[in-house]
Amino acid sequence: MHKSEQHMEMVKNLRGIDQKEYYVPGHRTCAGCGPALCYKLVAKAAGATRSSSPTGCMYVANCSYMCTPFAMPWTHLPDTNGGAVASGIEAPTTF
């Protein structure tokens, strides 16, 4: 096991869900936007960790004018570099 791995307890009821939101309201996507809901639920499940997402409508709609709905570290990446960026985020630093 790598020392940077996290182990989270299984949520067994609604009271066990973290109440903090990591994809906060005020984003500029359409009402009922599927990707926005997906980002919100994945951010809630992952907790206070790093996130990365490719260029697309979520980047254009959410990250203009130096503001973002992410309340956690977030990296924007080109479409084809997802694996490389994620492995670089995960790699331990030895500096």
N, C-alpha and C. Protein backbone atom coordinates (compact mmCIF):
# COMPACT_ATOMS: atom_id res chain seq x y z
N MET A 1 0.84 -1.18 0.00
CA MET A 1 0.00 0.00 0.00
C MET A 1 0.89 1.24 0.00
N HIS A 2 0.55 2.17 -0.86
CA HIS A 2 1.28 3.42 -0.95
C HIS A 2 0.88 4.31 0.21
N LYS A 3 1.84 5.04 0.77
CA LYS A 3 1.52 5.82 1.98
C LYS A 3 0.58 7.00 1.72
N SER A 4 0.39 7.39 0.44
CA SER A 4 -0.53 8.49 0.17
C SER A 4 -1.96 8.01 -0.07
N GLU A 5 -2.21 6.69 -0.03
CA GLU A 5 -3.56 6.18 -0.24
C GLU A 5 -4.46 6.54 0.92
N GLN A 6 -5.71 6.81 0.59
CA GLN A 6 -6.71 7.11 1.61
C GLN A 6 -7.66 5.93 1.73
N HIS A 7 -8.09 5.66 2.92
CA HIS A 7 -9.11 4.65 3.12
C HIS A 7 -10.29 5.33 3.80
N MET A 8 -11.42 5.25 3.14
CA MET A 8 -12.61 5.90 3.65
C MET A 8 -13.59 4.85 4.13
N GLU A 9 -14.30 5.19 5.18
CA GLU A 9 -15.31 4.28 5.69
C GLU A 9 -16.52 4.27 4.76
N MET A 10 -17.16 3.14 4.67
CA MET A 10 -18.36 3.03 3.85
C MET A 10 -19.50 3.81 4.51
N VAL A 11 -20.24 4.55 3.69
CA VAL A 11 -21.40 5.29 4.19
C VAL A 11 -22.56 4.31 4.31
N LYS A 12 -23.13 4.20 5.50
CA LYS A 12 -24.20 3.23 5.73
C LYS A 12 -25.57 3.87 5.86
N ASN A 13 -25.61 5.19 6.04
CA ASN A 13 -26.90 5.89 6.09
C ASN A 13 -26.67 7.34 5.69
N LEU A 14 -27.74 8.09 5.50
CA LEU A 14 -27.62 9.47 5.03
C LEU A 14 -26.89 10.38 6.00
N ARG A 15 -26.94 10.07 7.27
CA ARG A 15 -26.23 10.91 8.25
C ARG A 15 -24.72 10.76 8.13
N GLY A 16 -24.27 9.70 7.50
CA GLY A 16 -22.84 9.47 7.34
C GLY A 16 -22.23 10.19 6.16
N ILE A 17 -23.06 10.85 5.35
CA ILE A 17 -22.55 11.56 4.17
C ILE A 17 -21.96 12.90 4.59
N ASP A 18 -20.80 13.21 4.04
CA ASP A 18 -20.14 14.49 4.31
C ASP A 18 -21.06 15.62 3.87
N GLN A 19 -21.30 16.61 4.73
CA GLN A 19 -22.20 17.71 4.42
C GLN A 19 -21.53 18.82 3.62
N LYS A 20 -20.21 18.81 3.56
CA LYS A 20 -19.49 19.85 2.82
C LYS A 20 -19.65 19.62 1.32
N GLU A 21 -19.87 20.70 0.59
CA GLU A 21 -19.98 20.63 -0.86
C GLU A 21 -18.65 21.05 -1.47
N TYR A 22 -18.20 20.32 -2.48
CA TYR A 22 -16.94 20.62 -3.16
C TYR A 22 -17.16 21.15 -4.57
N TYR A 23 -18.39 21.09 -5.05
CA TYR A 23 -18.80 21.71 -6.31
C TYR A 23 -19.96 22.61 -5.92
N VAL A 24 -19.66 23.87 -5.72
CA VAL A 24 -20.60 24.78 -5.05
C VAL A 24 -21.61 25.39 -6.02
N PRO A 25 -22.75 25.85 -5.50
CA PRO A 25 -23.76 26.50 -6.34
C PRO A 25 -23.21 27.78 -6.98
N GLY A 26 -23.90 28.21 -8.00
CA GLY A 26 -23.51 29.44 -8.69
C GLY A 26 -22.79 29.19 -9.99
N HIS A 27 -22.70 27.94 -10.41
CA HIS A 27 -22.07 27.67 -11.71
C HIS A 27 -22.98 28.16 -12.82
N ARG A 28 -22.44 28.27 -14.01
CA ARG A 28 -23.17 28.88 -15.12
C ARG A 28 -23.75 27.85 -16.08
N THR A 29 -23.93 26.63 -15.67
CA THR A 29 -24.50 25.63 -16.56
C THR A 29 -26.02 25.72 -16.55
N CYS A 30 -26.62 25.06 -17.52
CA CYS A 30 -28.09 25.07 -17.63
C CYS A 30 -28.72 24.32 -16.46
N ALA A 31 -29.94 24.69 -16.13
CA ALA A 31 -30.68 23.98 -15.08
C ALA A 31 -30.87 22.53 -15.50
N GLY A 32 -30.59 21.62 -14.62
CA GLY A 32 -30.73 20.21 -14.92
C GLY A 32 -29.59 19.63 -15.74
N CYS A 33 -28.48 20.33 -15.81
CA CYS A 33 -27.33 19.88 -16.60
C CYS A 33 -26.79 18.57 -16.04
N GLY A 34 -26.77 17.53 -16.87
CA GLY A 34 -26.28 16.22 -16.43
C GLY A 34 -24.83 16.24 -15.99
N PRO A 35 -23.90 16.82 -16.79
CA PRO A 35 -22.51 16.85 -16.37
C PRO A 35 -22.30 17.62 -15.05
N ALA A 36 -23.05 18.71 -14.83
CA ALA A 36 -22.91 19.46 -13.58
C ALA A 36 -23.31 18.60 -12.39
N LEU A 37 -24.38 17.85 -12.52
CA LEU A 37 -24.80 16.95 -11.45
C LEU A 37 -23.75 15.86 -11.23
N CYS A 38 -23.22 15.34 -12.31
CA CYS A 38 -22.18 14.32 -12.21
C CYS A 38 -20.94 14.86 -11.48
N TYR A 39 -20.50 16.06 -11.86
CA TYR A 39 -19.34 16.67 -11.19
C TYR A 39 -19.63 16.86 -9.70
N LYS A 40 -20.83 17.30 -9.37
CA LYS A 40 -21.18 17.53 -7.97
C LYS A 40 -21.14 16.23 -7.17
N LEU A 41 -21.74 15.17 -7.71
CA LEU A 41 -21.78 13.90 -6.99
C LEU A 41 -20.41 13.25 -6.88
N VAL A 42 -19.62 13.32 -7.94
CA VAL A 42 -18.26 12.76 -7.88
C VAL A 42 -17.41 13.54 -6.89
N ALA A 43 -17.53 14.87 -6.89
CA ALA A 43 -16.78 15.69 -5.94
C ALA A 43 -17.19 15.36 -4.51
N LYS A 44 -18.47 15.16 -4.28
CA LYS A 44 -18.95 14.82 -2.93
C LYS A 44 -18.43 13.45 -2.51
N ALA A 45 -18.43 12.49 -3.44
CA ALA A 45 -17.94 11.15 -3.12
C ALA A 45 -16.44 11.13 -2.88
N ALA A 46 -15.70 11.93 -3.64
CA ALA A 46 -14.24 11.94 -3.51
C ALA A 46 -13.78 12.75 -2.30
N GLY A 47 -14.56 13.73 -1.90
CA GLY A 47 -14.17 14.55 -0.76
C GLY A 47 -13.12 15.58 -1.13
N ALA A 48 -12.39 16.03 -0.14
CA ALA A 48 -11.39 17.08 -0.34
C ALA A 48 -10.14 16.48 -0.97
N THR A 49 -10.19 16.27 -2.25
CA THR A 49 -9.08 15.72 -2.99
C THR A 49 -8.86 16.58 -4.22
N ARG A 50 -7.97 16.19 -5.08
CA ARG A 50 -7.74 16.94 -6.31
C ARG A 50 -8.63 16.41 -7.41
N SER A 51 -9.02 17.30 -8.31
CA SER A 51 -9.86 16.92 -9.43
C SER A 51 -9.26 17.45 -10.71
N SER A 52 -9.51 16.78 -11.79
CA SER A 52 -9.09 17.27 -13.10
C SER A 52 -10.19 16.96 -14.09
N SER A 53 -10.34 17.81 -15.08
CA SER A 53 -11.36 17.58 -16.10
C SER A 53 -10.90 18.18 -17.42
N PRO A 54 -11.33 17.57 -18.52
CA PRO A 54 -10.90 18.02 -19.84
C PRO A 54 -11.67 19.25 -20.32
N THR A 55 -11.16 19.81 -21.41
CA THR A 55 -11.83 20.92 -22.06
C THR A 55 -13.20 20.46 -22.53
N GLY A 56 -14.17 21.31 -22.42
CA GLY A 56 -15.52 21.00 -22.87
C GLY A 56 -16.46 22.07 -22.38
N CYS A 57 -17.75 21.79 -22.48
CA CYS A 57 -18.72 22.81 -22.08
C CYS A 57 -18.62 23.12 -20.58
N MET A 58 -18.24 22.15 -19.76
CA MET A 58 -18.13 22.41 -18.32
C MET A 58 -17.01 23.40 -18.03
N TYR A 59 -15.94 23.35 -18.80
CA TYR A 59 -14.84 24.31 -18.61
C TYR A 59 -15.29 25.69 -19.09
N VAL A 60 -15.89 25.75 -20.26
CA VAL A 60 -16.30 27.02 -20.84
C VAL A 60 -17.37 27.69 -19.98
N ALA A 61 -18.35 26.91 -19.53
CA ALA A 61 -19.45 27.48 -18.76
C ALA A 61 -19.05 27.85 -17.33
N ASN A 62 -18.10 27.15 -16.76
CA ASN A 62 -17.83 27.33 -15.34
C ASN A 62 -16.58 28.12 -14.98
N CYS A 63 -15.65 28.25 -15.85
CA CYS A 63 -14.34 28.76 -15.43
C CYS A 63 -13.92 30.02 -16.15
N SER A 64 -14.85 30.88 -16.45
CA SER A 64 -14.47 32.14 -17.07
C SER A 64 -14.34 33.22 -16.00
N TYR A 65 -13.61 34.24 -16.30
CA TYR A 65 -13.44 35.39 -15.40
C TYR A 65 -12.84 35.00 -14.05
N MET A 66 -11.92 34.05 -14.07
CA MET A 66 -11.12 33.68 -12.89
C MET A 66 -11.97 33.20 -11.72
N CYS A 67 -13.06 32.53 -11.99
CA CYS A 67 -13.84 31.94 -10.92
C CYS A 67 -14.23 30.52 -11.33
N THR A 68 -14.46 29.69 -10.36
CA THR A 68 -14.79 28.29 -10.62
C THR A 68 -15.71 27.78 -9.53
N PRO A 69 -16.56 26.80 -9.82
CA PRO A 69 -17.43 26.25 -8.78
C PRO A 69 -16.75 25.19 -7.91
N PHE A 70 -15.50 24.89 -8.21
CA PHE A 70 -14.80 23.86 -7.42
C PHE A 70 -14.25 24.45 -6.13
N ALA A 71 -14.59 23.83 -5.01
CA ALA A 71 -14.06 24.26 -3.71
C ALA A 71 -12.98 23.28 -3.27
N MET A 72 -12.14 22.89 -4.21
CA MET A 72 -11.04 21.96 -3.99
C MET A 72 -10.02 22.22 -5.10
N PRO A 73 -8.81 21.72 -4.97
CA PRO A 73 -7.85 21.90 -6.05
C PRO A 73 -8.37 21.26 -7.34
N TRP A 74 -8.26 21.97 -8.45
CA TRP A 74 -8.81 21.51 -9.70
C TRP A 74 -7.85 21.84 -10.83
N THR A 75 -7.68 20.92 -11.77
CA THR A 75 -6.77 21.10 -12.90
C THR A 75 -7.56 20.98 -14.19
N HIS A 76 -7.41 21.96 -15.06
CA HIS A 76 -7.98 21.87 -16.41
C HIS A 76 -6.93 21.24 -17.30
N LEU A 77 -7.34 20.32 -18.17
CA LEU A 77 -6.37 19.65 -19.03
C LEU A 77 -6.92 19.48 -20.44
N PRO A 78 -6.00 19.38 -21.41
CA PRO A 78 -6.44 19.09 -22.78
C PRO A 78 -7.09 17.72 -22.85
N ASP A 79 -7.96 17.51 -23.83
CA ASP A 79 -8.71 16.26 -23.94
C ASP A 79 -7.85 15.01 -23.91
N THR A 80 -6.72 15.02 -24.57
CA THR A 80 -5.93 13.79 -24.73
C THR A 80 -4.93 13.54 -23.62
N ASN A 81 -4.82 14.42 -22.65
CA ASN A 81 -3.79 14.28 -21.63
C ASN A 81 -4.31 13.83 -20.27
N GLY A 82 -5.51 13.31 -20.19
CA GLY A 82 -6.10 12.94 -18.90
C GLY A 82 -5.26 11.96 -18.10
N GLY A 83 -4.82 10.89 -18.72
CA GLY A 83 -4.03 9.88 -18.02
C GLY A 83 -2.69 10.42 -17.54
N ALA A 84 -2.03 11.20 -18.38
CA ALA A 84 -0.73 11.74 -18.01
C ALA A 84 -0.85 12.73 -16.85
N VAL A 85 -1.85 13.58 -16.91
CA VAL A 85 -2.05 14.55 -15.83
C VAL A 85 -2.42 13.85 -14.53
N ALA A 86 -3.33 12.88 -14.60
CA ALA A 86 -3.74 12.16 -13.40
C ALA A 86 -2.58 11.39 -12.78
N SER A 87 -1.75 10.78 -13.59
CA SER A 87 -0.60 10.06 -13.04
C SER A 87 0.42 11.02 -12.45
N GLY A 88 0.53 12.21 -13.00
CA GLY A 88 1.43 13.21 -12.43
C GLY A 88 0.92 13.74 -11.11
N ILE A 89 -0.39 13.87 -10.98
CA ILE A 89 -0.99 14.32 -9.72
C ILE A 89 -0.77 13.26 -8.64
N GLU A 90 -0.93 12.00 -9.02
CA GLU A 90 -0.81 10.89 -8.07
C GLU A 90 0.63 10.58 -7.67
N ALA A 91 1.57 10.86 -8.56
CA ALA A 91 2.98 10.50 -8.30
C ALA A 91 3.49 11.24 -7.08
N PRO A 92 4.19 10.54 -6.21
CA PRO A 92 4.76 11.21 -5.03
C PRO A 92 5.93 12.09 -5.44
N THR A 93 6.08 13.19 -4.78
CA THR A 93 7.20 14.07 -5.07
C THR A 93 8.37 13.69 -4.17
N THR A 94 9.55 13.77 -4.73
CA THR A 94 10.76 13.38 -3.97
C THR A 94 11.74 14.53 -3.89
N PHE A 95 11.23 15.75 -3.96
CA PHE A 95 12.13 16.91 -3.91
C PHE A 95 12.56 17.18 -2.50
